[in-house]
Amino acid sequence: MKKLLGIAVAMCITFAAHAQYENEKIHVGQKAPELRFPNPKGDTLTLSELNKKRIILLDFWASWCGPCRHANPRLVQIYEQYKDKKFKMAKNGFDIVSVSLDKDKNNWVKAIENDKLTWPNHMSDLGAWDSKTAEIYGITFIPQAFLIGPDGKIWRTYTNTEAVEADLDALSKGVKIFDDGAGKN
């Protein structure tokens, strides 16, 4: 009996922990909400323009976030591995758009340089947790990422980079990883 009670308690704790890290605002299959925010140079980037016929990994992070900074070297490897790959369903390939929840521009820019985040698309309104980007995407924890298809729809959501790589590998081989609404993957 004690063993069953222990298993039940463990399952409840696991479920509660998993629910804590689910985004309740953004769901697979929905159109990715528009983002239009400045890059470090002050130029405005627009997600829908960057997304045209391209697979986008929309990555939410911050310079002060230890887990984010820990994940950045893997993101750099993923970018280098897939930025020039051909994708059957994405004529313009793959790119990363990094959205920072920083408040201090100097810290944001320094982290981009120090972590060698060489992709060109970085944006932030420097609002930290009060950022409009966090509000639009329902971001309550970071790191958090979304894979957006060339159709502008959310294909996947992530809390770690390992799953991103597996999905990009499948996509580069022409394997669909999303439900297009027809009930077939």
C-alpha atoms as a PDB file:
ATOM      1  CA  MET A   1       0.000   0.000   0.000  1.00  0.00           C
ATOM      2  CA  LYS A   2       2.817   2.400   0.887  1.00  0.00           C
ATOM      3  CA  LYS A   3       4.473   1.597  -2.416  1.00  0.00           C
ATOM      4  CA  LEU A   4       1.274   2.465  -4.343  1.00  0.00           C
ATOM      5  CA  LEU A   5       0.880   5.686  -2.384  1.00  0.00           C
ATOM      6  CA  GLY A   6       4.501   6.586  -3.136  1.00  0.00           C
ATOM      7  CA  ILE A   7       3.984   5.952  -6.856  1.00  0.00           C
ATOM      8  CA  ALA A   8       0.806   8.076  -6.864  1.00  0.00           C
ATOM      9  CA  VAL A   9       2.585  10.961  -5.115  1.00  0.00           C
ATOM     10  CA  ALA A  10       5.513  10.731  -7.553  1.00  0.00           C
ATOM     11  CA  MET A  11       3.127  10.801 -10.518  1.00  0.00           C
ATOM     12  CA  CYS A  12       1.334  13.879  -9.159  1.00  0.00           C
ATOM     13  CA  ILE A  13       4.627  15.688  -8.615  1.00  0.00           C
ATOM     14  CA  THR A  14       5.811  14.771 -12.133  1.00  0.00           C
ATOM     15  CA  PHE A  15       2.524  15.958 -13.675  1.00  0.00           C
ATOM     16  CA  ALA A  16       2.616  19.233 -11.723  1.00  0.00           C
ATOM     17  CA  ALA A  17       6.231  19.867 -12.719  1.00  0.00           C
ATOM     18  CA  HIS A  18       5.460  19.186 -16.387  1.00  0.00           C
ATOM     19  CA  ALA A  19       2.374  21.444 -16.332  1.00  0.00           C
ATOM     20  CA  GLN A  20       4.472  24.230 -14.825  1.00  0.00           C
ATOM     21  CA  TYR A  21       6.617  24.262 -17.972  1.00  0.00           C
ATOM     22  CA  GLU A  22       3.896  24.276 -20.604  1.00  0.00           C
ATOM     23  CA  ASN A  23       3.080  27.351 -22.617  1.00  0.00           C
ATOM     24  CA  GLU A  24      -0.657  27.862 -22.344  1.00  0.00           C
ATOM     25  CA  LYS A  25      -0.930  30.603 -24.977  1.00  0.00           C
ATOM     26  CA  ILE A  26       0.840  29.152 -28.026  1.00  0.00           C
ATOM     27  CA  HIS A  27      -0.165  25.812 -29.505  1.00  0.00           C
ATOM     28  CA  VAL A  28       1.095  23.642 -32.329  1.00  0.00           C
ATOM     29  CA  GLY A  29      -0.844  24.339 -35.514  1.00  0.00           C
ATOM     30  CA  GLN A  30      -1.765  27.936 -34.792  1.00  0.00           C
ATOM     31  CA  LYS A  31      -0.471  30.839 -36.842  1.00  0.00           C
ATOM     32  CA  ALA A  32       2.656  32.279 -35.218  1.00  0.00           C
ATOM     33  CA  PRO A  33       1.812  35.671 -33.727  1.00  0.00           C
ATOM     34  CA  GLU A  34       3.592  38.566 -35.405  1.00  0.00           C
ATOM     35  CA  LEU A  35       6.649  40.070 -33.750  1.00  0.00           C
ATOM     36  CA  ARG A  36       8.015  43.438 -34.838  1.00  0.00           C
ATOM     37  CA  PHE A  37      10.849  44.635 -32.635  1.00  0.00           C
ATOM     38  CA  PRO A  38      14.291  46.235 -32.909  1.00  0.00           C
ATOM     39  CA  ASN A  39      17.574  44.411 -33.349  1.00  0.00           C
ATOM     40  CA  PRO A  40      20.739  45.554 -31.535  1.00  0.00           C
ATOM     41  CA  LYS A  41      21.408  48.160 -34.267  1.00  0.00           C
ATOM     42  CA  GLY A  42      17.941  49.653 -33.824  1.00  0.00           C
ATOM     43  CA  ASP A  43      16.513  48.328 -37.100  1.00  0.00           C
ATOM     44  CA  THR A  44      13.054  46.783 -36.851  1.00  0.00           C
ATOM     45  CA  LEU A  45      12.776  43.076 -37.619  1.00  0.00           C
ATOM     46  CA  THR A  46       9.444  41.515 -38.535  1.00  0.00           C
ATOM     47  CA  LEU A  47       8.937  37.814 -37.911  1.00  0.00           C
ATOM     48  CA  SER A  48       6.610  37.301 -40.889  1.00  0.00           C
ATOM     49  CA  GLU A  49       9.205  38.801 -43.256  1.00  0.00           C
ATOM     50  CA  LEU A  50      11.981  36.609 -41.860  1.00  0.00           C
ATOM     51  CA  ASN A  51       9.712  33.552 -42.040  1.00  0.00           C
ATOM     52  CA  LYS A  52       8.874  33.734 -45.772  1.00  0.00           C
ATOM     53  CA  LYS A  53       9.410  30.250 -47.245  1.00  0.00           C
ATOM     54  CA  ARG A  54      11.771  29.513 -44.347  1.00  0.00           C
ATOM     55  CA  ILE A  55      11.758  27.333 -41.251  1.00  0.00           C
ATOM     56  CA  ILE A  56      12.377  29.522 -38.207  1.00  0.00           C
ATOM     57  CA  LEU A  57      13.479  28.532 -34.739  1.00  0.00           C
ATOM     58  CA  LEU A  58      12.102  31.318 -32.561  1.00  0.00           C
ATOM     59  CA  ASP A  59      14.257  31.208 -29.426  1.00  0.00           C
ATOM     60  CA  PHE A  60      13.372  33.153 -26.258  1.00  0.00           C
ATOM     61  CA  TRP A  61      16.329  33.758 -23.947  1.00  0.00           C
ATOM     62  CA  ALA A  62      18.204  36.424 -21.923  1.00  0.00           C
ATOM     63  CA  SER A  63      21.805  37.248 -21.065  1.00  0.00           C
ATOM     64  CA  TRP A  64      21.067  36.769 -17.338  1.00  0.00           C
ATOM     65  CA  CYS A  65      19.479  33.315 -17.805  1.00  0.00           C
ATOM     66  CA  GLY A  66      21.946  30.565 -16.863  1.00  0.00           C
ATOM     67  CA  PRO A  67      20.076  27.719 -18.619  1.00  0.00           C
ATOM     68  CA  CYS A  68      19.758  29.885 -21.745  1.00  0.00           C
ATOM     69  CA  ARG A  69      23.465  30.648 -21.819  1.00  0.00           C
ATOM     70  CA  HIS A  70      24.205  26.964 -21.225  1.00  0.00           C
ATOM     71  CA  ALA A  71      22.024  26.060 -24.242  1.00  0.00           C
ATOM     72  CA  ASN A  72      23.564  28.666 -26.572  1.00  0.00           C
ATOM     73  CA  PRO A  73      26.621  26.621 -27.665  1.00  0.00           C
ATOM     74  CA  ARG A  74      24.272  23.859 -28.816  1.00  0.00           C
ATOM     75  CA  LEU A  75      22.117  26.397 -30.667  1.00  0.00           C
ATOM     76  CA  VAL A  76      25.239  27.661 -32.421  1.00  0.00           C
ATOM     77  CA  GLN A  77      26.055  24.087 -33.509  1.00  0.00           C
ATOM     78  CA  ILE A  78      22.488  23.567 -34.738  1.00  0.00           C
ATOM     79  CA  TYR A  79      22.599  26.823 -36.682  1.00  0.00           C
ATOM     80  CA  GLU A  80      25.915  25.933 -38.309  1.00  0.00           C
ATOM     81  CA  GLN A  81      24.687  22.433 -39.160  1.00  0.00           C
ATOM     82  CA  TYR A  82      21.341  23.449 -40.698  1.00  0.00           C
ATOM     83  CA  LYS A  83      21.672  27.027 -42.001  1.00  0.00           C
ATOM     84  CA  ASP A  84      22.750  25.878 -45.487  1.00  0.00           C
ATOM     85  CA  LYS A  85      20.725  22.645 -45.667  1.00  0.00           C
ATOM     86  CA  LYS A  86      18.043  22.234 -48.274  1.00  0.00           C
ATOM     87  CA  PHE A  87      14.545  21.574 -47.016  1.00  0.00           C
ATOM     88  CA  LYS A  88      11.951  20.309 -49.485  1.00  0.00           C
ATOM     89  CA  MET A  89       9.128  22.228 -47.813  1.00  0.00           C
ATOM     90  CA  ALA A  90      11.124  25.425 -47.150  1.00  0.00           C
ATOM     91  CA  LYS A  91      12.595  27.008 -50.263  1.00  0.00           C
ATOM     92  CA  ASN A  92      14.612  29.535 -48.229  1.00  0.00           C
ATOM     93  CA  GLY A  93      15.987  27.026 -45.719  1.00  0.00           C
ATOM     94  CA  PHE A  94      16.378  27.497 -41.982  1.00  0.00           C
ATOM     95  CA  ASP A  95      17.211  30.376 -39.673  1.00  0.00           C
ATOM     96  CA  ILE A  96      17.077  31.306 -35.998  1.00  0.00           C
ATOM     97  CA  VAL A  97      15.358  34.384 -34.616  1.00  0.00           C
ATOM     98  CA  SER A  98      16.476  35.096 -31.061  1.00  0.00           C
ATOM     99  CA  VAL A  99      14.160  37.106 -28.827  1.00  0.00           C
ATOM    100  CA  SER A 100      15.812  38.484 -25.723  1.00  0.00           C
ATOM    101  CA  LEU A 101      14.053  39.221 -22.450  1.00  0.00           C
ATOM    102  CA  ASP A 102      16.895  41.476 -21.395  1.00  0.00           C
ATOM    103  CA  LYS A 103      16.494  44.916 -19.891  1.00  0.00           C
ATOM    104  CA  ASP A 104      20.055  46.150 -20.471  1.00  0.00           C
ATOM    105  CA  LYS A 105      21.090  46.514 -24.118  1.00  0.00           C
ATOM    106  CA  ASN A 106      24.825  46.292 -23.361  1.00  0.00           C
ATOM    107  CA  ASN A 107      24.400  42.963 -21.550  1.00  0.00           C
ATOM    108  CA  TRP A 108      22.254  41.650 -24.426  1.00  0.00           C
ATOM    109  CA  VAL A 109      24.762  42.641 -27.122  1.00  0.00           C
ATOM    110  CA  LYS A 110      27.722  41.376 -25.077  1.00  0.00           C
ATOM    111  CA  ALA A 111      26.027  37.971 -24.582  1.00  0.00           C
ATOM    112  CA  ILE A 112      25.366  37.712 -28.353  1.00  0.00           C
ATOM    113  CA  GLU A 113      29.071  38.368 -28.994  1.00  0.00           C
ATOM    114  CA  ASN A 114      30.414  36.195 -26.148  1.00  0.00           C
ATOM    115  CA  ASP A 115      28.188  33.235 -27.017  1.00  0.00           C
ATOM    116  CA  LYS A 116      28.993  33.650 -30.748  1.00  0.00           C
ATOM    117  CA  LEU A 117      25.336  33.808 -31.786  1.00  0.00           C
ATOM    118  CA  THR A 118      26.269  34.498 -35.416  1.00  0.00           C
ATOM    119  CA  TRP A 119      22.797  34.405 -36.961  1.00  0.00           C
ATOM    120  CA  PRO A 120      21.673  37.885 -37.982  1.00  0.00           C
ATOM    121  CA  ASN A 121      18.210  37.959 -36.438  1.00  0.00           C
ATOM    122  CA  HIS A 122      18.107  39.135 -32.836  1.00  0.00           C
ATOM    123  CA  MET A 123      15.282  41.248 -31.413  1.00  0.00           C
ATOM    124  CA  SER A 124      14.219  42.738 -28.107  1.00  0.00           C
ATOM    125  CA  ASP A 125      12.156  45.581 -26.735  1.00  0.00           C
ATOM    126  CA  LEU A 126      14.353  45.451 -23.599  1.00  0.00           C
ATOM    127  CA  GLY A 127      11.291  44.977 -21.432  1.00  0.00           C
ATOM    128  CA  ALA A 128      12.582  41.919 -19.530  1.00  0.00           C
ATOM    129  CA  TRP A 129       9.591  39.954 -18.135  1.00  0.00           C
ATOM    130  CA  ASP A 130       7.329  42.905 -19.019  1.00  0.00           C
ATOM    131  CA  SER A 131       8.380  42.573 -22.651  1.00  0.00           C
ATOM    132  CA  LYS A 132       5.631  42.721 -25.289  1.00  0.00           C
ATOM    133  CA  THR A 133       7.253  39.657 -26.902  1.00  0.00           C
ATOM    134  CA  ALA A 134       6.800  37.681 -23.680  1.00  0.00           C
ATOM    135  CA  GLU A 135       3.186  38.808 -23.475  1.00  0.00           C
ATOM    136  CA  ILE A 136       2.425  37.960 -27.118  1.00  0.00           C
ATOM    137  CA  TYR A 137       3.918  34.466 -26.831  1.00  0.00           C
ATOM    138  CA  GLY A 138       2.849  33.729 -23.255  1.00  0.00           C
ATOM    139  CA  ILE A 139       6.435  33.323 -22.096  1.00  0.00           C
ATOM    140  CA  THR A 140       6.583  32.564 -18.374  1.00  0.00           C
ATOM    141  CA  PHE A 141       9.918  30.732 -18.392  1.00  0.00           C
ATOM    142  CA  ILE A 142      13.073  30.642 -20.500  1.00  0.00           C
ATOM    143  CA  PRO A 143      14.675  29.106 -22.418  1.00  0.00           C
ATOM    144  CA  GLN A 144      11.709  28.376 -24.624  1.00  0.00           C
ATOM    145  CA  ALA A 145      11.546  27.976 -28.392  1.00  0.00           C
ATOM    146  CA  PHE A 146       9.091  27.453 -31.219  1.00  0.00           C
ATOM    147  CA  LEU A 147       9.676  25.889 -34.615  1.00  0.00           C
ATOM    148  CA  ILE A 148       7.725  27.863 -37.205  1.00  0.00           C
ATOM    149  CA  GLY A 149       7.124  26.384 -40.633  1.00  0.00           C
ATOM    150  CA  PRO A 150       7.321  28.288 -43.917  1.00  0.00           C
ATOM    151  CA  ASP A 151       3.512  28.372 -43.743  1.00  0.00           C
ATOM    152  CA  GLY A 152       3.805  30.643 -40.681  1.00  0.00           C
ATOM    153  CA  LYS A 153       2.336  28.039 -38.321  1.00  0.00           C
ATOM    154  CA  ILE A 154       3.820  26.754 -35.090  1.00  0.00           C
ATOM    155  CA  TRP A 155       5.123  23.251 -35.825  1.00  0.00           C
ATOM    156  CA  ARG A 156       6.720  22.445 -32.471  1.00  0.00           C
ATOM    157  CA  THR A 157       7.424  23.921 -29.032  1.00  0.00           C
ATOM    158  CA  TYR A 158      10.585  23.227 -27.031  1.00  0.00           C
ATOM    159  CA  THR A 159      12.188  23.653 -23.644  1.00  0.00           C
ATOM    160  CA  ASN A 160      15.490  22.082 -24.737  1.00  0.00           C
ATOM    161  CA  THR A 161      17.682  22.018 -27.832  1.00  0.00           C
ATOM    162  CA  GLU A 162      17.993  18.238 -28.185  1.00  0.00           C
ATOM    163  CA  ALA A 163      14.512  17.855 -29.650  1.00  0.00           C
ATOM    164  CA  VAL A 164      15.127  20.743 -32.069  1.00  0.00           C
ATOM    165  CA  GLU A 165      18.001  18.915 -33.695  1.00  0.00           C
ATOM    166  CA  ALA A 166      16.030  15.694 -34.119  1.00  0.00           C
ATOM    167  CA  ASP A 167      13.175  17.585 -35.774  1.00  0.00           C
ATOM    168  CA  LEU A 168      15.473  19.540 -38.103  1.00  0.00           C
ATOM    169  CA  ASP A 169      17.217  16.315 -39.075  1.00  0.00           C
ATOM    170  CA  ALA A 170      13.867  14.732 -39.944  1.00  0.00           C
ATOM    171  CA  LEU A 171      12.774  17.817 -41.898  1.00  0.00           C
ATOM    172  CA  SER A 172      16.044  17.890 -43.860  1.00  0.00           C
ATOM    173  CA  LYS A 173      15.244  14.325 -44.949  1.00  0.00           C
ATOM    174  CA  GLY A 174      11.761  15.345 -46.093  1.00  0.00           C
ATOM    175  CA  VAL A 175       9.922  13.828 -43.129  1.00  0.00           C
ATOM    176  CA  LYS A 176       6.885  15.788 -41.945  1.00  0.00           C
ATOM    177  CA  ILE A 177       6.941  16.412 -38.201  1.00  0.00           C
ATOM    178  CA  PHE A 178       3.625  18.262 -37.979  1.00  0.00           C
ATOM    179  CA  ASP A 179      -0.031  17.680 -38.602  1.00  0.00           C
ATOM    180  CA  ASP A 180      -1.222  19.753 -41.535  1.00  0.00           C
ATOM    181  CA  GLY A 181      -4.816  19.459 -40.455  1.00  0.00           C
ATOM    182  CA  ALA A 182      -5.565  16.524 -42.716  1.00  0.00           C
ATOM    183  CA  GLY A 183      -4.953  14.096 -39.859  1.00  0.00           C
ATOM    184  CA  LYS A 184      -1.766  12.718 -41.398  1.00  0.00           C
ATOM    185  CA  ASN A 185       1.769  13.364 -40.179  1.00  0.00           C
END
